[in-house]
Amino acid sequence: MVRPAPISPKFRANVAGYSAESARYWLGSSARWGAVTGLTALFILSQVPTIKSSILQKTPVLGWYWKVEEEAK
């Protein structure tokens, strides 16, 4: 009778040395950093007319804040 080895190898799939657990950890962290970076860039660029008209004025809840009333001549 052949007995199985007391220590059997455990195979873990990885890509370029990253396992699914480490990828899940880094994905969450990267998403948070990306969101903060994007919001900071929008805040800094909020006075650029193209950004203001194409992105900020079309925001559903706060779009009214960036709408500019044109002066009548």
C-alpha atoms as a PDB file:
ATOM      1  CA  MET A   1       0.000   0.000   0.000  1.00  0.00           C
ATOM      2  CA  VAL A   2       1.338   3.412  -1.026  1.00  0.00           C
ATOM      3  CA  ARG A   3       0.933   6.139   1.520  1.00  0.00           C
ATOM      4  CA  PRO A   4       0.594   9.752   0.437  1.00  0.00           C
ATOM      5  CA  ALA A   5       3.414  12.053   1.391  1.00  0.00           C
ATOM      6  CA  PRO A   6       2.800  13.780   4.729  1.00  0.00           C
ATOM      7  CA  ILE A   7       3.548  17.141   3.150  1.00  0.00           C
ATOM      8  CA  SER A   8       1.934  17.651  -0.213  1.00  0.00           C
ATOM      9  CA  PRO A   9       2.675  20.640  -2.409  1.00  0.00           C
ATOM     10  CA  LYS A  10       0.082  23.376  -2.589  1.00  0.00           C
ATOM     11  CA  PHE A  11      -0.170  25.073  -5.926  1.00  0.00           C
ATOM     12  CA  ARG A  12      -1.040  28.740  -6.013  1.00  0.00           C
ATOM     13  CA  ALA A  13      -1.618  30.491  -9.290  1.00  0.00           C
ATOM     14  CA  ASN A  14       0.298  33.716  -9.706  1.00  0.00           C
ATOM     15  CA  VAL A  15       1.136  36.134 -12.460  1.00  0.00           C
ATOM     16  CA  ALA A  16       4.544  37.793 -12.368  1.00  0.00           C
ATOM     17  CA  GLY A  17       4.883  36.782  -8.719  1.00  0.00           C
ATOM     18  CA  TYR A  18       1.565  38.280  -7.560  1.00  0.00           C
ATOM     19  CA  SER A  19      -1.072  35.989  -6.123  1.00  0.00           C
ATOM     20  CA  ALA A  20      -4.792  36.716  -6.103  1.00  0.00           C
ATOM     21  CA  GLU A  21      -4.639  37.811  -2.447  1.00  0.00           C
ATOM     22  CA  SER A  22      -1.869  40.341  -3.009  1.00  0.00           C
ATOM     23  CA  ALA A  23      -3.531  41.596  -6.202  1.00  0.00           C
ATOM     24  CA  ARG A  24      -6.778  42.177  -4.275  1.00  0.00           C
ATOM     25  CA  TYR A  25      -4.885  44.167  -1.633  1.00  0.00           C
ATOM     26  CA  TRP A  26      -3.033  46.331  -4.148  1.00  0.00           C
ATOM     27  CA  LEU A  27      -6.130  46.853  -6.313  1.00  0.00           C
ATOM     28  CA  GLY A  28      -8.054  48.402  -3.424  1.00  0.00           C
ATOM     29  CA  SER A  29      -5.153  50.629  -2.465  1.00  0.00           C
ATOM     30  CA  SER A  30      -4.596  51.715  -6.078  1.00  0.00           C
ATOM     31  CA  ALA A  31      -8.277  52.526  -6.520  1.00  0.00           C
ATOM     32  CA  ARG A  32      -8.255  54.804  -3.466  1.00  0.00           C
ATOM     33  CA  TRP A  33      -5.083  56.614  -4.551  1.00  0.00           C
ATOM     34  CA  GLY A  34      -6.460  57.012  -8.083  1.00  0.00           C
ATOM     35  CA  ALA A  35      -9.728  58.490  -6.846  1.00  0.00           C
ATOM     36  CA  VAL A  36      -7.956  61.011  -4.624  1.00  0.00           C
ATOM     37  CA  THR A  37      -5.558  61.952  -7.426  1.00  0.00           C
ATOM     38  CA  GLY A  38      -8.414  62.414  -9.900  1.00  0.00           C
ATOM     39  CA  LEU A  39     -10.456  64.583  -7.541  1.00  0.00           C
ATOM     40  CA  THR A  40      -7.395  66.690  -6.759  1.00  0.00           C
ATOM     41  CA  ALA A  41      -6.713  67.199 -10.466  1.00  0.00           C
ATOM     42  CA  LEU A  42     -10.337  68.263 -11.042  1.00  0.00           C
ATOM     43  CA  PHE A  43     -10.132  70.709  -8.153  1.00  0.00           C
ATOM     44  CA  ILE A  44      -6.895  72.235  -9.448  1.00  0.00           C
ATOM     45  CA  LEU A  45      -8.151  72.409 -13.055  1.00  0.00           C
ATOM     46  CA  SER A  46     -11.652  73.637 -12.181  1.00  0.00           C
ATOM     47  CA  GLN A  47     -10.952  77.116 -13.587  1.00  0.00           C
ATOM     48  CA  VAL A  48     -10.044  75.836 -17.061  1.00  0.00           C
ATOM     49  CA  PRO A  49     -13.046  76.599 -19.311  1.00  0.00           C
ATOM     50  CA  THR A  50     -12.987  73.247 -21.130  1.00  0.00           C
ATOM     51  CA  ILE A  51     -12.963  71.267 -17.875  1.00  0.00           C
ATOM     52  CA  LYS A  52     -15.656  73.490 -16.416  1.00  0.00           C
ATOM     53  CA  SER A  53     -18.045  73.178 -19.362  1.00  0.00           C
ATOM     54  CA  SER A  54     -17.491  69.540 -20.341  1.00  0.00           C
ATOM     55  CA  ILE A  55     -17.117  67.860 -16.945  1.00  0.00           C
ATOM     56  CA  LEU A  56     -18.035  69.974 -13.941  1.00  0.00           C
ATOM     57  CA  GLN A  57     -21.251  71.582 -15.243  1.00  0.00           C
ATOM     58  CA  LYS A  58     -22.602  68.132 -16.155  1.00  0.00           C
ATOM     59  CA  THR A  59     -22.171  66.744 -12.642  1.00  0.00           C
ATOM     60  CA  PRO A  60     -25.664  65.652 -11.511  1.00  0.00           C
ATOM     61  CA  VAL A  61     -25.761  67.077  -7.978  1.00  0.00           C
ATOM     62  CA  LEU A  62     -23.260  69.943  -7.936  1.00  0.00           C
ATOM     63  CA  GLY A  63     -23.319  71.076 -11.563  1.00  0.00           C
ATOM     64  CA  TRP A  64     -25.189  74.266 -10.728  1.00  0.00           C
ATOM     65  CA  TYR A  65     -22.156  75.544  -8.796  1.00  0.00           C
ATOM     66  CA  TRP A  66     -20.017  75.832 -11.938  1.00  0.00           C
ATOM     67  CA  LYS A  67     -22.659  77.277 -14.272  1.00  0.00           C
ATOM     68  CA  VAL A  68     -21.828  80.840 -15.204  1.00  0.00           C
ATOM     69  CA  GLU A  69     -24.511  83.320 -16.109  1.00  0.00           C
ATOM     70  CA  GLU A  70     -23.508  85.232 -19.225  1.00  0.00           C
ATOM     71  CA  GLU A  71     -23.674  88.973 -18.874  1.00  0.00           C
ATOM     72  CA  ALA A  72     -26.138  90.769 -21.144  1.00  0.00           C
ATOM     73  CA  LYS A  73     -24.481  93.416 -23.281  1.00  0.00           C
END
